[in-house]
Amino acid sequence: MELFDAIATRSSAGRLAAPGPSPSELERLLQAAARAPDHGRLRPWRFIVLEGANREAFAAAAAAAKRALSAITEEQMAADRDKVLRSPTLVIAACAVDRNSKIPEIEQIIAVAAAVENLFLAAHALGYGVMWKTGAAAYDAKVKALLGLQTHDHIVAIVHLGTRVK
């Protein structure tokens, strides 16, 4: 797909189903993401591909983070957990902030956002649908710890990948 066509036709998917990207396609997407502009060449992005038990643990932690902010029932919590698991491929795009760098924190975060856009365009070029989510999980210290992040790091995007459902 030509670059300008990819930009002009890319949109967030409403719903996703299997199949998601193959391991080799996912590697290609993450390589494209890592070509994002990056002031200071810090490479602040961390892409965490969630599979198996890690995916289930993240979904439970994301639902618990939402519950901590508002009174939701067990049924609503289960629905939130299931919503996280609907897409076949789940990638967390995080910013591991380098506090010792002269590069301001916001510029490190923006570099990760640019990397996510690269990932989106590359996924679209391969024919996959993508959704960018955040929510309570993106700001929750327990969720960050589960992912191996520090409390001062940022979850920039919870990226859902798969085949668009029309």
N, C-alpha and C. Protein backbone atom coordinates (compact mmCIF):
# COMPACT_ATOMS: atom_id res chain seq x y z
N MET A 1 0.85 -1.18 0.00
CA MET A 1 0.00 0.00 0.00
C MET A 1 0.90 1.24 0.00
N GLU A 2 0.56 2.17 -0.83
CA GLU A 2 1.31 3.43 -0.93
C GLU A 2 1.08 4.26 0.34
N LEU A 3 2.10 4.97 0.80
CA LEU A 3 2.04 5.68 2.07
C LEU A 3 0.86 6.64 2.17
N PHE A 4 0.65 7.48 1.17
CA PHE A 4 -0.44 8.45 1.26
C PHE A 4 -1.80 7.77 1.24
N ASP A 5 -1.92 6.65 0.55
CA ASP A 5 -3.16 5.88 0.59
C ASP A 5 -3.39 5.31 1.98
N ALA A 6 -2.31 4.82 2.60
CA ALA A 6 -2.43 4.27 3.96
C ALA A 6 -2.89 5.34 4.94
N ILE A 7 -2.31 6.53 4.82
CA ILE A 7 -2.70 7.62 5.72
C ILE A 7 -4.15 8.03 5.46
N ALA A 8 -4.52 8.14 4.19
CA ALA A 8 -5.86 8.61 3.82
C ALA A 8 -6.95 7.59 4.17
N THR A 9 -6.62 6.30 4.20
CA THR A 9 -7.66 5.29 4.40
C THR A 9 -7.63 4.66 5.78
N ARG A 10 -6.63 4.96 6.59
CA ARG A 10 -6.54 4.38 7.93
C ARG A 10 -7.61 4.94 8.84
N SER A 11 -8.25 4.07 9.58
CA SER A 11 -9.19 4.49 10.62
C SER A 11 -9.18 3.41 11.70
N SER A 12 -9.61 3.78 12.88
CA SER A 12 -9.66 2.81 13.96
C SER A 12 -10.79 1.82 13.71
N ALA A 13 -10.53 0.57 14.01
CA ALA A 13 -11.52 -0.48 13.83
C ALA A 13 -12.56 -0.40 14.94
N GLY A 14 -13.78 -0.75 14.62
CA GLY A 14 -14.83 -0.81 15.63
C GLY A 14 -14.79 -2.13 16.39
N ARG A 15 -14.55 -3.21 15.65
CA ARG A 15 -14.47 -4.55 16.25
C ARG A 15 -13.41 -5.34 15.51
N LEU A 16 -12.78 -6.24 16.24
CA LEU A 16 -11.72 -7.07 15.67
C LEU A 16 -11.98 -8.54 15.97
N ALA A 17 -11.49 -9.38 15.07
CA ALA A 17 -11.59 -10.82 15.26
C ALA A 17 -10.29 -11.46 14.80
N ALA A 18 -10.18 -12.77 15.02
CA ALA A 18 -9.02 -13.51 14.51
C ALA A 18 -9.15 -13.62 12.99
N PRO A 19 -8.05 -13.71 12.33
CA PRO A 19 -6.69 -13.81 12.86
C PRO A 19 -6.07 -12.45 13.11
N GLY A 20 -5.11 -12.47 14.00
CA GLY A 20 -4.26 -11.31 14.21
C GLY A 20 -2.99 -11.53 13.42
N PRO A 21 -2.06 -10.61 13.53
CA PRO A 21 -0.79 -10.77 12.82
C PRO A 21 -0.05 -12.03 13.26
N SER A 22 0.62 -12.66 12.31
CA SER A 22 1.48 -13.80 12.62
C SER A 22 2.68 -13.29 13.40
N PRO A 23 3.44 -14.18 14.03
CA PRO A 23 4.64 -13.72 14.74
C PRO A 23 5.60 -12.93 13.85
N SER A 24 5.78 -13.34 12.61
CA SER A 24 6.69 -12.61 11.73
C SER A 24 6.10 -11.26 11.34
N GLU A 25 4.79 -11.20 11.14
CA GLU A 25 4.16 -9.91 10.83
C GLU A 25 4.23 -8.97 12.04
N LEU A 26 4.01 -9.52 13.22
CA LEU A 26 4.09 -8.70 14.44
C LEU A 26 5.50 -8.15 14.62
N GLU A 27 6.49 -8.96 14.35
CA GLU A 27 7.87 -8.49 14.43
C GLU A 27 8.10 -7.35 13.44
N ARG A 28 7.56 -7.49 12.26
CA ARG A 28 7.68 -6.45 11.23
C ARG A 28 6.99 -5.15 11.69
N LEU A 29 5.83 -5.27 12.31
CA LEU A 29 5.10 -4.10 12.82
C LEU A 29 5.91 -3.39 13.90
N LEU A 30 6.50 -4.15 14.80
CA LEU A 30 7.28 -3.56 15.89
C LEU A 30 8.56 -2.92 15.37
N GLN A 31 9.14 -3.49 14.33
CA GLN A 31 10.31 -2.86 13.70
C GLN A 31 9.92 -1.53 13.06
N ALA A 32 8.75 -1.49 12.42
CA ALA A 32 8.28 -0.23 11.82
C ALA A 32 8.03 0.80 12.92
N ALA A 33 7.45 0.37 14.03
CA ALA A 33 7.19 1.27 15.15
C ALA A 33 8.50 1.89 15.66
N ALA A 34 9.52 1.07 15.74
CA ALA A 34 10.79 1.52 16.30
C ALA A 34 11.56 2.48 15.38
N ARG A 35 11.03 2.76 14.21
CA ARG A 35 11.65 3.73 13.30
C ARG A 35 11.08 5.14 13.50
N ALA A 36 10.32 5.32 14.54
CA ALA A 36 9.70 6.62 14.83
C ALA A 36 10.76 7.67 15.17
N PRO A 37 10.42 8.95 14.93
CA PRO A 37 11.33 10.01 15.35
C PRO A 37 11.50 9.98 16.87
N ASP A 38 12.69 10.30 17.31
CA ASP A 38 13.02 10.14 18.72
C ASP A 38 14.12 11.12 19.10
N HIS A 39 13.73 12.25 19.67
CA HIS A 39 14.69 13.27 20.09
C HIS A 39 15.65 12.65 21.11
N GLY A 40 16.92 12.74 20.83
CA GLY A 40 17.94 12.21 21.73
C GLY A 40 18.24 10.74 21.53
N ARG A 41 17.53 10.11 20.62
CA ARG A 41 17.72 8.67 20.33
C ARG A 41 17.67 7.82 21.59
N LEU A 42 16.70 8.12 22.43
CA LEU A 42 16.54 7.39 23.69
C LEU A 42 15.83 6.05 23.51
N ARG A 43 15.07 5.94 22.43
CA ARG A 43 14.25 4.74 22.21
C ARG A 43 13.43 4.42 23.48
N PRO A 44 12.58 5.38 23.90
CA PRO A 44 11.87 5.21 25.16
C PRO A 44 10.72 4.20 25.10
N TRP A 45 10.40 3.73 23.91
CA TRP A 45 9.25 2.83 23.77
C TRP A 45 9.58 1.43 24.28
N ARG A 46 8.56 0.87 24.86
CA ARG A 46 8.59 -0.53 25.27
C ARG A 46 7.29 -1.13 24.72
N PHE A 47 7.44 -2.15 23.89
CA PHE A 47 6.27 -2.84 23.35
C PHE A 47 6.18 -4.19 24.04
N ILE A 48 5.08 -4.38 24.73
CA ILE A 48 4.87 -5.60 25.50
C ILE A 48 3.73 -6.36 24.83
N VAL A 49 4.07 -7.48 24.21
CA VAL A 49 3.07 -8.32 23.55
C VAL A 49 2.52 -9.26 24.61
N LEU A 50 1.22 -9.19 24.81
CA LEU A 50 0.59 -10.00 25.86
C LEU A 50 -0.02 -11.26 25.26
N GLU A 51 0.41 -12.39 25.79
CA GLU A 51 -0.10 -13.68 25.34
C GLU A 51 -0.37 -14.57 26.55
N GLY A 52 -1.25 -15.53 26.37
CA GLY A 52 -1.50 -16.55 27.39
C GLY A 52 -1.87 -15.98 28.74
N ALA A 53 -1.20 -16.50 29.77
CA ALA A 53 -1.50 -16.11 31.15
C ALA A 53 -1.23 -14.62 31.39
N ASN A 54 -0.24 -14.05 30.72
CA ASN A 54 0.04 -12.62 30.88
C ASN A 54 -1.12 -11.77 30.36
N ARG A 55 -1.72 -12.22 29.28
CA ARG A 55 -2.88 -11.53 28.70
C ARG A 55 -4.06 -11.57 29.67
N GLU A 56 -4.31 -12.73 30.24
CA GLU A 56 -5.40 -12.90 31.21
C GLU A 56 -5.16 -12.04 32.46
N ALA A 57 -3.93 -12.04 32.93
CA ALA A 57 -3.59 -11.24 34.12
C ALA A 57 -3.77 -9.76 33.84
N PHE A 58 -3.36 -9.32 32.65
CA PHE A 58 -3.54 -7.91 32.29
C PHE A 58 -5.03 -7.56 32.23
N ALA A 59 -5.83 -8.41 31.62
CA ALA A 59 -7.27 -8.14 31.51
C ALA A 59 -7.90 -8.01 32.90
N ALA A 60 -7.53 -8.90 33.80
CA ALA A 60 -8.06 -8.84 35.17
C ALA A 60 -7.60 -7.56 35.88
N ALA A 61 -6.33 -7.20 35.71
CA ALA A 61 -5.80 -6.00 36.34
C ALA A 61 -6.44 -4.74 35.76
N ALA A 62 -6.70 -4.74 34.46
CA ALA A 62 -7.35 -3.59 33.82
C ALA A 62 -8.77 -3.41 34.35
N ALA A 63 -9.48 -4.50 34.50
CA ALA A 63 -10.84 -4.43 35.06
C ALA A 63 -10.82 -3.96 36.51
N ALA A 64 -9.85 -4.45 37.27
CA ALA A 64 -9.72 -4.03 38.67
C ALA A 64 -9.38 -2.54 38.77
N ALA A 65 -8.56 -2.05 37.84
CA ALA A 65 -8.22 -0.62 37.84
C ALA A 65 -9.45 0.23 37.60
N LYS A 66 -10.31 -0.22 36.71
CA LYS A 66 -11.55 0.52 36.46
C LYS A 66 -12.45 0.47 37.68
N ARG A 67 -12.53 -0.68 38.30
CA ARG A 67 -13.37 -0.84 39.49
C ARG A 67 -12.88 0.06 40.63
N ALA A 68 -11.58 0.25 40.72
CA ALA A 68 -11.02 1.09 41.78
C ALA A 68 -11.45 2.56 41.62
N LEU A 69 -11.77 2.96 40.40
CA LEU A 69 -12.17 4.35 40.14
C LEU A 69 -13.68 4.58 40.25
N SER A 70 -14.45 3.53 40.05
CA SER A 70 -15.90 3.70 40.09
C SER A 70 -16.55 2.42 40.58
N ALA A 71 -17.71 2.59 41.14
CA ALA A 71 -18.43 1.44 41.69
C ALA A 71 -19.08 0.66 40.54
N ILE A 72 -18.45 -0.44 40.16
CA ILE A 72 -19.04 -1.30 39.14
C ILE A 72 -19.29 -2.67 39.74
N THR A 73 -20.26 -3.35 39.20
CA THR A 73 -20.63 -4.67 39.71
C THR A 73 -19.64 -5.72 39.23
N GLU A 74 -19.74 -6.91 39.81
CA GLU A 74 -18.92 -8.04 39.37
C GLU A 74 -19.18 -8.34 37.89
N GLU A 75 -20.45 -8.22 37.48
CA GLU A 75 -20.80 -8.49 36.09
C GLU A 75 -20.16 -7.46 35.15
N GLN A 76 -20.18 -6.20 35.56
CA GLN A 76 -19.56 -5.15 34.75
C GLN A 76 -18.04 -5.35 34.70
N MET A 77 -17.47 -5.78 35.82
CA MET A 77 -16.04 -6.03 35.87
C MET A 77 -15.68 -7.18 34.92
N ALA A 78 -16.49 -8.24 34.92
CA ALA A 78 -16.25 -9.38 34.01
C ALA A 78 -16.38 -8.93 32.56
N ALA A 79 -17.35 -8.07 32.28
CA ALA A 79 -17.53 -7.56 30.91
C ALA A 79 -16.32 -6.73 30.49
N ASP A 80 -15.80 -5.91 31.39
CA ASP A 80 -14.60 -5.11 31.09
C ASP A 80 -13.39 -6.01 30.83
N ARG A 81 -13.26 -7.04 31.64
CA ARG A 81 -12.16 -8.00 31.44
C ARG A 81 -12.29 -8.67 30.07
N ASP A 82 -13.50 -9.10 29.73
CA ASP A 82 -13.73 -9.77 28.45
C ASP A 82 -13.49 -8.82 27.27
N LYS A 83 -13.82 -7.55 27.45
CA LYS A 83 -13.62 -6.56 26.38
C LYS A 83 -12.14 -6.45 26.01
N VAL A 84 -11.28 -6.50 27.01
CA VAL A 84 -9.84 -6.42 26.77
C VAL A 84 -9.37 -7.62 25.95
N LEU A 85 -10.02 -8.76 26.13
CA LEU A 85 -9.59 -10.01 25.50
C LEU A 85 -10.21 -10.26 24.13
N ARG A 86 -11.06 -9.36 23.65
CA ARG A 86 -11.75 -9.60 22.38
C ARG A 86 -10.84 -9.63 21.16
N SER A 87 -9.82 -8.81 21.14
CA SER A 87 -8.96 -8.77 19.97
C SER A 87 -7.94 -9.91 20.05
N PRO A 88 -7.54 -10.45 18.90
CA PRO A 88 -6.61 -11.58 18.93
C PRO A 88 -5.19 -11.22 19.35
N THR A 89 -4.78 -9.96 19.14
CA THR A 89 -3.41 -9.56 19.49
C THR A 89 -3.47 -8.28 20.32
N LEU A 90 -2.75 -8.30 21.42
CA LEU A 90 -2.74 -7.18 22.35
C LEU A 90 -1.29 -6.77 22.62
N VAL A 91 -1.01 -5.49 22.35
CA VAL A 91 0.34 -4.95 22.56
C VAL A 91 0.24 -3.69 23.41
N ILE A 92 1.01 -3.64 24.47
CA ILE A 92 1.07 -2.44 25.30
C ILE A 92 2.24 -1.60 24.80
N ALA A 93 1.96 -0.34 24.48
CA ALA A 93 3.01 0.60 24.08
C ALA A 93 3.24 1.53 25.27
N ALA A 94 4.42 1.41 25.85
CA ALA A 94 4.74 2.18 27.05
C ALA A 94 5.96 3.05 26.82
N CYS A 95 6.05 4.08 27.63
CA CYS A 95 7.21 4.96 27.63
C CYS A 95 7.99 4.73 28.92
N ALA A 96 9.20 4.19 28.77
CA ALA A 96 10.10 4.03 29.91
C ALA A 96 10.88 5.34 30.02
N VAL A 97 10.44 6.19 30.89
CA VAL A 97 11.00 7.54 31.01
C VAL A 97 12.42 7.49 31.55
N ASP A 98 13.31 8.16 30.83
CA ASP A 98 14.70 8.32 31.29
C ASP A 98 14.77 9.65 32.03
N ARG A 99 14.73 9.57 33.34
CA ARG A 99 14.73 10.79 34.16
C ARG A 99 16.09 11.48 34.21
N ASN A 100 17.12 10.79 33.77
CA ASN A 100 18.46 11.37 33.78
C ASN A 100 18.80 12.05 32.46
N SER A 101 17.90 11.99 31.51
CA SER A 101 18.16 12.58 30.20
C SER A 101 17.83 14.06 30.19
N LYS A 102 18.51 14.79 29.32
CA LYS A 102 18.18 16.20 29.14
C LYS A 102 16.92 16.35 28.28
N ILE A 103 16.46 15.27 27.66
CA ILE A 103 15.25 15.29 26.83
C ILE A 103 14.04 15.33 27.77
N PRO A 104 13.17 16.34 27.63
CA PRO A 104 12.01 16.43 28.51
C PRO A 104 11.11 15.19 28.42
N GLU A 105 10.48 14.87 29.51
CA GLU A 105 9.60 13.70 29.60
C GLU A 105 8.53 13.72 28.51
N ILE A 106 7.93 14.87 28.27
CA ILE A 106 6.86 14.95 27.27
C ILE A 106 7.38 14.55 25.89
N GLU A 107 8.61 14.89 25.58
CA GLU A 107 9.16 14.52 24.28
C GLU A 107 9.41 13.02 24.19
N GLN A 108 9.71 12.41 25.30
CA GLN A 108 9.86 10.95 25.32
C GLN A 108 8.51 10.28 25.09
N ILE A 109 7.47 10.81 25.70
CA ILE A 109 6.12 10.27 25.53
C ILE A 109 5.66 10.45 24.09
N ILE A 110 5.92 11.61 23.52
CA ILE A 110 5.53 11.89 22.14
C ILE A 110 6.23 10.93 21.18
N ALA A 111 7.47 10.58 21.46
CA ALA A 111 8.18 9.61 20.61
C ALA A 111 7.45 8.27 20.61
N VAL A 112 6.93 7.87 21.75
CA VAL A 112 6.18 6.61 21.82
C VAL A 112 4.88 6.73 21.03
N ALA A 113 4.21 7.87 21.13
CA ALA A 113 2.99 8.08 20.35
C ALA A 113 3.29 8.00 18.85
N ALA A 114 4.41 8.57 18.43
CA ALA A 114 4.81 8.49 17.02
C ALA A 114 5.07 7.03 16.62
N ALA A 115 5.67 6.27 17.52
CA ALA A 115 5.92 4.85 17.25
C ALA A 115 4.60 4.09 17.10
N VAL A 116 3.61 4.44 17.92
CA VAL A 116 2.31 3.79 17.80
C VAL A 116 1.68 4.12 16.45
N GLU A 117 1.80 5.35 16.00
CA GLU A 117 1.25 5.71 14.69
C GLU A 117 1.94 4.91 13.58
N ASN A 118 3.26 4.74 13.67
CA ASN A 118 3.96 3.90 12.70
C ASN A 118 3.39 2.48 12.71
N LEU A 119 3.17 1.95 13.91
CA LEU A 119 2.61 0.61 14.05
C LEU A 119 1.23 0.55 13.39
N PHE A 120 0.40 1.57 13.62
CA PHE A 120 -0.94 1.61 13.04
C PHE A 120 -0.89 1.61 11.51
N LEU A 121 -0.05 2.45 10.95
CA LEU A 121 0.04 2.53 9.49
C LEU A 121 0.58 1.23 8.91
N ALA A 122 1.56 0.64 9.56
CA ALA A 122 2.12 -0.63 9.08
C ALA A 122 1.07 -1.74 9.16
N ALA A 123 0.31 -1.78 10.25
CA ALA A 123 -0.74 -2.80 10.38
C ALA A 123 -1.80 -2.62 9.30
N HIS A 124 -2.18 -1.39 9.04
CA HIS A 124 -3.15 -1.10 7.99
C HIS A 124 -2.62 -1.54 6.63
N ALA A 125 -1.34 -1.28 6.37
CA ALA A 125 -0.73 -1.68 5.10
C ALA A 125 -0.74 -3.19 4.93
N LEU A 126 -0.68 -3.95 6.06
CA LEU A 126 -0.74 -5.41 5.99
C LEU A 126 -2.17 -5.94 6.00
N GLY A 127 -3.14 -5.02 6.08
CA GLY A 127 -4.54 -5.43 6.03
C GLY A 127 -5.20 -5.70 7.36
N TYR A 128 -4.56 -5.30 8.46
CA TYR A 128 -5.13 -5.52 9.79
C TYR A 128 -5.84 -4.28 10.31
N GLY A 129 -6.81 -4.51 11.16
CA GLY A 129 -7.48 -3.43 11.87
C GLY A 129 -6.78 -3.20 13.19
N VAL A 130 -6.89 -1.97 13.68
CA VAL A 130 -6.20 -1.59 14.92
C VAL A 130 -7.10 -0.67 15.73
N MET A 131 -7.01 -0.79 17.05
CA MET A 131 -7.67 0.14 17.97
C MET A 131 -6.65 0.62 18.99
N TRP A 132 -6.74 1.88 19.36
CA TRP A 132 -5.88 2.50 20.38
C TRP A 132 -6.76 2.75 21.59
N LYS A 133 -6.46 2.10 22.69
CA LYS A 133 -7.23 2.26 23.92
C LYS A 133 -6.31 2.69 25.05
N THR A 134 -6.91 3.26 26.09
CA THR A 134 -6.19 3.53 27.33
C THR A 134 -7.12 3.16 28.48
N GLY A 135 -7.79 4.13 29.08
CA GLY A 135 -8.66 3.84 30.21
C GLY A 135 -7.88 3.78 31.51
N ALA A 136 -8.58 3.37 32.56
CA ALA A 136 -8.01 3.35 33.91
C ALA A 136 -6.72 2.53 33.98
N ALA A 137 -6.64 1.46 33.21
CA ALA A 137 -5.46 0.59 33.25
C ALA A 137 -4.18 1.33 32.88
N ALA A 138 -4.29 2.30 32.00
CA ALA A 138 -3.10 3.02 31.54
C ALA A 138 -2.47 3.88 32.63
N TYR A 139 -3.21 4.16 33.67
CA TYR A 139 -2.73 5.07 34.71
C TYR A 139 -2.56 4.39 36.07
N ASP A 140 -2.79 3.10 36.11
CA ASP A 140 -2.82 2.37 37.37
C ASP A 140 -1.43 1.80 37.71
N ALA A 141 -0.96 2.09 38.92
CA ALA A 141 0.38 1.64 39.34
C ALA A 141 0.48 0.12 39.39
N LYS A 142 -0.59 -0.56 39.78
CA LYS A 142 -0.55 -2.03 39.84
C LYS A 142 -0.46 -2.63 38.44
N VAL A 143 -1.16 -2.04 37.48
CA VAL A 143 -1.07 -2.51 36.10
C VAL A 143 0.34 -2.30 35.58
N LYS A 144 0.89 -1.13 35.84
CA LYS A 144 2.27 -0.85 35.40
C LYS A 144 3.24 -1.87 35.99
N ALA A 145 3.10 -2.15 37.27
CA ALA A 145 4.00 -3.11 37.93
C ALA A 145 3.85 -4.49 37.31
N LEU A 146 2.63 -4.89 37.01
CA LEU A 146 2.38 -6.18 36.37
C LEU A 146 3.13 -6.29 35.04
N LEU A 147 3.24 -5.17 34.34
CA LEU A 147 3.92 -5.14 33.04
C LEU A 147 5.42 -4.92 33.15
N GLY A 148 5.93 -4.77 34.37
CA GLY A 148 7.36 -4.55 34.56
C GLY A 148 7.77 -3.10 34.39
N LEU A 149 6.80 -2.20 34.48
CA LEU A 149 7.08 -0.78 34.33
C LEU A 149 7.22 -0.12 35.71
N GLN A 150 7.87 1.02 35.73
CA GLN A 150 8.01 1.81 36.95
C GLN A 150 6.77 2.72 37.08
N THR A 151 6.50 3.20 38.27
CA THR A 151 5.33 4.06 38.46
C THR A 151 5.44 5.35 37.66
N HIS A 152 6.66 5.84 37.40
CA HIS A 152 6.83 7.08 36.64
C HIS A 152 6.80 6.85 35.12
N ASP A 153 6.73 5.59 34.69
CA ASP A 153 6.60 5.29 33.26
C ASP A 153 5.15 5.51 32.83
N HIS A 154 4.92 5.52 31.54
CA HIS A 154 3.58 5.79 31.02
C HIS A 154 3.13 4.71 30.05
N ILE A 155 1.90 4.25 30.22
CA ILE A 155 1.28 3.41 29.21
C ILE A 155 0.62 4.37 28.24
N VAL A 156 1.17 4.44 27.04
CA VAL A 156 0.69 5.39 26.04
C VAL A 156 -0.49 4.81 25.26
N ALA A 157 -0.45 3.51 24.99
CA ALA A 157 -1.53 2.90 24.23
C ALA A 157 -1.65 1.42 24.57
N ILE A 158 -2.89 0.97 24.64
CA ILE A 158 -3.20 -0.45 24.68
C ILE A 158 -3.68 -0.74 23.26
N VAL A 159 -2.82 -1.39 22.49
CA VAL A 159 -3.05 -1.57 21.06
C VAL A 159 -3.70 -2.92 20.80
N HIS A 160 -4.88 -2.88 20.20
CA HIS A 160 -5.60 -4.08 19.81
C HIS A 160 -5.43 -4.27 18.31
N LEU A 161 -5.01 -5.47 17.89
CA LEU A 161 -4.78 -5.78 16.48
C LEU A 161 -5.58 -7.02 16.10
N GLY A 162 -6.06 -7.02 14.86
CA GLY A 162 -6.76 -8.19 14.36
C GLY A 162 -7.39 -7.91 13.02
N THR A 163 -8.30 -8.77 12.64
CA THR A 163 -9.03 -8.62 11.39
C THR A 163 -10.30 -7.82 11.67
N ARG A 164 -10.53 -6.81 10.86
CA ARG A 164 -11.74 -5.97 11.04
C ARG A 164 -13.00 -6.81 10.88
N VAL A 165 -13.96 -6.57 11.76
CA VAL A 165 -15.29 -7.15 11.63
C VAL A 165 -16.17 -6.08 11.02
N LYS A 166 -16.79 -6.39 9.90
CA LYS A 166 -17.59 -5.38 9.20
C LYS A 166 -19.01 -5.32 9.69
